[in-house]
Amino acid sequence: MIHVTFQTRTVAAAEKLAAVLMEKHLLLFPTLDTDHEELTRVDGRLHRSSQLLLQGMSKALLYRDLERTAMDLLGSDLVRMHALPVVNMDPEAQRQLLEQTAKV
């Protein structure tokens, strides 16, 4: 199991991605963080850029499908993505994840 994060430039891109991933049974328990800023350093100064985080849960073996779908759908609106392993979760969420995501 993984906790996956997609960083996008717009709410529309994040919502579009969430809808497609959920329709394909690739992402469960999606959340959207609209209060996220990335810092970059340009000419010795810090600059902020607003970005959004779409996060959810999936099976680790579905990561490549998640990545391919996100890249194909969003192109440059996908800033970056990553996943972290989930070592424990409540039994009900685990059951839902196993039953409601795509079979591998």
N, C-alpha and C. Protein backbone atom coordinates (compact mmCIF):
# COMPACT_ATOMS: atom_id res chain seq x y z
N MET A 1 0.83 -1.16 0.00
CA MET A 1 0.00 0.00 0.00
C MET A 1 0.89 1.24 0.00
N ILE A 2 0.41 2.28 -0.68
CA ILE A 2 1.17 3.53 -0.75
C ILE A 2 0.25 4.72 -0.51
N HIS A 3 0.87 5.78 -0.05
CA HIS A 3 0.22 7.09 0.06
C HIS A 3 0.87 7.93 -1.04
N VAL A 4 0.10 8.32 -2.03
CA VAL A 4 0.65 9.01 -3.21
C VAL A 4 0.25 10.48 -3.20
N THR A 5 1.19 11.33 -3.63
CA THR A 5 0.97 12.77 -3.70
C THR A 5 1.24 13.26 -5.11
N PHE A 6 0.29 14.01 -5.65
CA PHE A 6 0.44 14.66 -6.95
C PHE A 6 0.45 16.16 -6.69
N GLN A 7 1.46 16.85 -7.17
CA GLN A 7 1.54 18.30 -7.01
C GLN A 7 1.18 18.93 -8.35
N THR A 8 0.11 19.76 -8.35
CA THR A 8 -0.38 20.36 -9.59
C THR A 8 -0.38 21.88 -9.49
N ARG A 9 -0.60 22.52 -10.62
CA ARG A 9 -0.61 23.98 -10.67
C ARG A 9 -1.99 24.60 -10.44
N THR A 10 -3.05 23.83 -10.71
CA THR A 10 -4.40 24.39 -10.60
C THR A 10 -5.36 23.41 -9.93
N VAL A 11 -6.41 23.95 -9.35
CA VAL A 11 -7.47 23.13 -8.76
C VAL A 11 -8.11 22.28 -9.86
N ALA A 12 -8.34 22.88 -11.01
CA ALA A 12 -8.98 22.15 -12.11
C ALA A 12 -8.18 20.92 -12.50
N ALA A 13 -6.85 21.05 -12.56
CA ALA A 13 -6.00 19.91 -12.91
C ALA A 13 -6.09 18.83 -11.85
N ALA A 14 -6.05 19.22 -10.59
CA ALA A 14 -6.12 18.25 -9.49
C ALA A 14 -7.46 17.52 -9.49
N GLU A 15 -8.55 18.25 -9.69
CA GLU A 15 -9.88 17.63 -9.70
C GLU A 15 -10.05 16.72 -10.91
N LYS A 16 -9.55 17.15 -12.04
CA LYS A 16 -9.62 16.33 -13.26
C LYS A 16 -8.87 15.02 -13.05
N LEU A 17 -7.66 15.10 -12.48
CA LEU A 17 -6.86 13.91 -12.22
C LEU A 17 -7.56 13.01 -11.21
N ALA A 18 -8.08 13.58 -10.15
CA ALA A 18 -8.77 12.78 -9.13
C ALA A 18 -9.93 12.01 -9.75
N ALA A 19 -10.72 12.68 -10.58
CA ALA A 19 -11.87 12.03 -11.20
C ALA A 19 -11.46 10.84 -12.06
N VAL A 20 -10.42 11.03 -12.86
CA VAL A 20 -9.97 9.94 -13.75
C VAL A 20 -9.39 8.79 -12.94
N LEU A 21 -8.56 9.10 -11.96
CA LEU A 21 -7.95 8.04 -11.15
C LEU A 21 -9.00 7.26 -10.37
N MET A 22 -10.00 7.95 -9.86
CA MET A 22 -11.06 7.25 -9.14
C MET A 22 -11.91 6.40 -10.09
N GLU A 23 -12.17 6.93 -11.28
CA GLU A 23 -12.94 6.18 -12.27
C GLU A 23 -12.23 4.89 -12.67
N LYS A 24 -10.89 4.96 -12.76
CA LYS A 24 -10.09 3.78 -13.12
C LYS A 24 -9.77 2.89 -11.92
N HIS A 25 -10.29 3.23 -10.77
CA HIS A 25 -10.06 2.47 -9.53
C HIS A 25 -8.57 2.40 -9.18
N LEU A 26 -7.88 3.52 -9.39
CA LEU A 26 -6.45 3.60 -9.06
C LEU A 26 -6.18 4.37 -7.77
N LEU A 27 -7.15 5.16 -7.30
CA LEU A 27 -6.92 6.01 -6.13
C LEU A 27 -8.14 5.98 -5.22
N LEU A 28 -7.88 5.79 -3.93
CA LEU A 28 -8.94 5.83 -2.92
C LEU A 28 -8.61 6.91 -1.89
N PHE A 29 -9.62 7.35 -1.20
CA PHE A 29 -9.50 8.33 -0.12
C PHE A 29 -8.79 9.61 -0.56
N PRO A 30 -9.16 10.19 -1.72
CA PRO A 30 -8.47 11.40 -2.19
C PRO A 30 -8.76 12.62 -1.31
N THR A 31 -7.73 13.42 -1.14
CA THR A 31 -7.86 14.70 -0.45
C THR A 31 -7.15 15.75 -1.29
N LEU A 32 -7.58 17.00 -1.14
CA LEU A 32 -6.99 18.09 -1.90
C LEU A 32 -6.55 19.19 -0.93
N ASP A 33 -5.29 19.50 -0.95
CA ASP A 33 -4.72 20.56 -0.12
C ASP A 33 -4.50 21.77 -1.02
N THR A 34 -5.29 22.83 -0.80
CA THR A 34 -5.19 24.02 -1.65
C THR A 34 -4.32 25.11 -1.01
N ASP A 35 -3.82 24.86 0.15
CA ASP A 35 -3.02 25.85 0.88
C ASP A 35 -1.56 25.39 0.92
N HIS A 36 -0.95 25.30 -0.24
CA HIS A 36 0.42 24.78 -0.35
C HIS A 36 1.23 25.74 -1.22
N GLU A 37 2.39 26.13 -0.73
CA GLU A 37 3.28 26.99 -1.52
C GLU A 37 4.65 26.35 -1.60
N GLU A 38 5.22 26.39 -2.79
CA GLU A 38 6.57 25.88 -2.99
C GLU A 38 7.53 27.06 -3.02
N LEU A 39 8.65 26.90 -2.36
CA LEU A 39 9.68 27.95 -2.34
C LEU A 39 10.77 27.63 -3.34
N THR A 40 11.17 28.63 -4.09
CA THR A 40 12.33 28.51 -4.98
C THR A 40 13.25 29.70 -4.70
N ARG A 41 14.48 29.51 -5.03
CA ARG A 41 15.46 30.57 -4.81
C ARG A 41 15.94 31.07 -6.17
N VAL A 42 15.71 32.37 -6.43
CA VAL A 42 16.10 32.98 -7.70
C VAL A 42 16.88 34.25 -7.39
N ASP A 43 18.08 34.33 -7.90
CA ASP A 43 18.94 35.50 -7.67
C ASP A 43 19.08 35.84 -6.19
N GLY A 44 19.21 34.81 -5.37
CA GLY A 44 19.42 35.01 -3.95
C GLY A 44 18.17 35.33 -3.15
N ARG A 45 17.02 35.33 -3.79
CA ARG A 45 15.76 35.65 -3.10
C ARG A 45 14.81 34.46 -3.16
N LEU A 46 14.00 34.34 -2.13
CA LEU A 46 12.99 33.29 -2.11
C LEU A 46 11.73 33.76 -2.83
N HIS A 47 11.19 32.88 -3.65
CA HIS A 47 9.94 33.14 -4.36
C HIS A 47 8.95 32.04 -4.00
N ARG A 48 7.70 32.43 -3.83
CA ARG A 48 6.63 31.48 -3.54
C ARG A 48 5.79 31.26 -4.78
N SER A 49 5.38 30.02 -4.97
CA SER A 49 4.43 29.72 -6.03
C SER A 49 3.35 28.81 -5.46
N SER A 50 2.11 29.19 -5.67
CA SER A 50 0.98 28.40 -5.18
C SER A 50 0.86 27.12 -5.98
N GLN A 51 0.69 26.03 -5.27
CA GLN A 51 0.48 24.74 -5.90
C GLN A 51 -0.52 23.96 -5.07
N LEU A 52 -1.00 22.87 -5.61
CA LEU A 52 -2.01 22.07 -4.94
C LEU A 52 -1.51 20.65 -4.77
N LEU A 53 -1.94 20.02 -3.70
CA LEU A 53 -1.57 18.64 -3.45
C LEU A 53 -2.82 17.77 -3.50
N LEU A 54 -2.83 16.83 -4.42
CA LEU A 54 -3.85 15.79 -4.44
C LEU A 54 -3.18 14.56 -3.84
N GLN A 55 -3.79 14.02 -2.79
CA GLN A 55 -3.21 12.87 -2.12
C GLN A 55 -4.25 11.78 -1.98
N GLY A 56 -3.78 10.56 -1.91
CA GLY A 56 -4.68 9.43 -1.72
C GLY A 56 -3.90 8.15 -1.49
N MET A 57 -4.62 7.05 -1.48
CA MET A 57 -4.03 5.75 -1.21
C MET A 57 -4.24 4.84 -2.42
N SER A 58 -3.30 3.90 -2.57
CA SER A 58 -3.41 2.93 -3.64
C SER A 58 -2.56 1.71 -3.30
N LYS A 59 -2.48 0.80 -4.23
CA LYS A 59 -1.60 -0.36 -4.11
C LYS A 59 -0.26 0.01 -4.73
N ALA A 60 0.82 -0.44 -4.13
CA ALA A 60 2.15 -0.11 -4.63
C ALA A 60 2.34 -0.57 -6.08
N LEU A 61 1.78 -1.71 -6.44
CA LEU A 61 1.95 -2.22 -7.79
C LEU A 61 1.20 -1.40 -8.84
N LEU A 62 0.37 -0.46 -8.40
CA LEU A 62 -0.34 0.41 -9.34
C LEU A 62 0.38 1.74 -9.58
N TYR A 63 1.54 1.94 -8.96
CA TYR A 63 2.22 3.23 -9.06
C TYR A 63 2.50 3.62 -10.51
N ARG A 64 3.00 2.72 -11.32
CA ARG A 64 3.31 3.05 -12.73
C ARG A 64 2.04 3.46 -13.49
N ASP A 65 0.92 2.83 -13.20
CA ASP A 65 -0.35 3.22 -13.83
C ASP A 65 -0.77 4.61 -13.37
N LEU A 66 -0.60 4.90 -12.09
CA LEU A 66 -0.89 6.23 -11.56
C LEU A 66 -0.02 7.28 -12.24
N GLU A 67 1.27 6.99 -12.33
CA GLU A 67 2.23 7.92 -12.93
C GLU A 67 1.92 8.18 -14.40
N ARG A 68 1.69 7.12 -15.14
CA ARG A 68 1.41 7.24 -16.58
C ARG A 68 0.11 8.03 -16.82
N THR A 69 -0.91 7.72 -16.05
CA THR A 69 -2.18 8.42 -16.19
C THR A 69 -2.03 9.90 -15.89
N ALA A 70 -1.33 10.22 -14.80
CA ALA A 70 -1.13 11.63 -14.41
C ALA A 70 -0.34 12.38 -15.48
N MET A 71 0.72 11.80 -15.98
CA MET A 71 1.55 12.47 -16.98
C MET A 71 0.80 12.66 -18.29
N ASP A 72 0.07 11.63 -18.72
CA ASP A 72 -0.69 11.73 -19.97
C ASP A 72 -1.81 12.76 -19.86
N LEU A 73 -2.47 12.81 -18.72
CA LEU A 73 -3.63 13.68 -18.54
C LEU A 73 -3.24 15.14 -18.30
N LEU A 74 -2.21 15.37 -17.50
CA LEU A 74 -1.90 16.73 -17.08
C LEU A 74 -0.72 17.38 -17.78
N GLY A 75 0.19 16.61 -18.31
CA GLY A 75 1.36 17.21 -18.97
C GLY A 75 2.11 18.13 -18.02
N SER A 76 2.32 19.37 -18.41
CA SER A 76 3.09 20.32 -17.60
C SER A 76 2.35 20.81 -16.36
N ASP A 77 1.05 20.53 -16.25
CA ASP A 77 0.32 20.89 -15.03
C ASP A 77 0.67 19.97 -13.86
N LEU A 78 1.33 18.85 -14.15
CA LEU A 78 1.81 17.97 -13.10
C LEU A 78 3.22 18.42 -12.74
N VAL A 79 3.37 19.01 -11.57
CA VAL A 79 4.67 19.53 -11.14
C VAL A 79 5.57 18.37 -10.76
N ARG A 80 5.07 17.50 -9.89
CA ARG A 80 5.80 16.30 -9.50
C ARG A 80 4.87 15.37 -8.76
N MET A 81 5.34 14.15 -8.56
CA MET A 81 4.57 13.19 -7.78
C MET A 81 5.53 12.26 -7.05
N HIS A 82 5.05 11.73 -5.95
CA HIS A 82 5.83 10.75 -5.21
C HIS A 82 4.89 9.89 -4.38
N ALA A 83 5.42 8.79 -3.90
CA ALA A 83 4.63 7.89 -3.06
C ALA A 83 5.47 7.42 -1.88
N LEU A 84 4.79 7.19 -0.78
CA LEU A 84 5.42 6.68 0.43
C LEU A 84 4.74 5.37 0.81
N PRO A 85 5.50 4.42 1.32
CA PRO A 85 4.87 3.17 1.74
C PRO A 85 4.01 3.37 2.98
N VAL A 86 2.92 2.64 3.02
CA VAL A 86 2.04 2.64 4.19
C VAL A 86 2.26 1.30 4.88
N VAL A 87 2.74 1.33 6.10
CA VAL A 87 3.04 0.08 6.79
C VAL A 87 1.89 -0.41 7.65
N ASN A 88 1.02 0.48 8.07
CA ASN A 88 -0.15 0.10 8.87
C ASN A 88 -1.31 1.02 8.54
N MET A 89 -2.50 0.47 8.58
CA MET A 89 -3.71 1.28 8.46
C MET A 89 -4.85 0.52 9.12
N ASP A 90 -5.93 1.22 9.40
CA ASP A 90 -7.04 0.57 10.09
C ASP A 90 -7.63 -0.53 9.21
N PRO A 91 -8.18 -1.56 9.82
CA PRO A 91 -8.68 -2.71 9.05
C PRO A 91 -9.73 -2.37 8.01
N GLU A 92 -10.64 -1.45 8.31
CA GLU A 92 -11.70 -1.10 7.36
C GLU A 92 -11.11 -0.41 6.13
N ALA A 93 -10.19 0.52 6.33
CA ALA A 93 -9.55 1.19 5.19
C ALA A 93 -8.75 0.19 4.37
N GLN A 94 -8.08 -0.73 5.03
CA GLN A 94 -7.31 -1.75 4.31
C GLN A 94 -8.23 -2.62 3.47
N ARG A 95 -9.36 -3.02 4.03
CA ARG A 95 -10.32 -3.83 3.28
C ARG A 95 -10.83 -3.08 2.05
N GLN A 96 -11.19 -1.81 2.24
CA GLN A 96 -11.66 -1.00 1.12
C GLN A 96 -10.60 -0.86 0.05
N LEU A 97 -9.39 -0.63 0.46
CA LEU A 97 -8.30 -0.47 -0.50
C LEU A 97 -8.09 -1.73 -1.32
N LEU A 98 -8.10 -2.88 -0.65
CA LEU A 98 -7.90 -4.14 -1.37
C LEU A 98 -9.07 -4.47 -2.29
N GLU A 99 -10.28 -4.15 -1.86
CA GLU A 99 -11.47 -4.51 -2.64
C GLU A 99 -11.81 -3.49 -3.73
N GLN A 100 -11.51 -2.22 -3.50
CA GLN A 100 -12.02 -1.19 -4.41
C GLN A 100 -10.99 -0.60 -5.36
N THR A 101 -9.77 -1.07 -5.32
CA THR A 101 -8.78 -0.61 -6.31
C THR A 101 -8.62 -1.68 -7.37
N ALA A 102 -8.02 -1.29 -8.48
CA ALA A 102 -7.84 -2.19 -9.61
C ALA A 102 -7.06 -3.44 -9.19
N LYS A 103 -7.40 -4.54 -9.78
CA LYS A 103 -6.69 -5.79 -9.50
C LYS A 103 -5.32 -5.77 -10.18
N VAL A 104 -4.34 -6.34 -9.49
CA VAL A 104 -2.98 -6.40 -10.06
C VAL A 104 -2.54 -7.83 -10.20
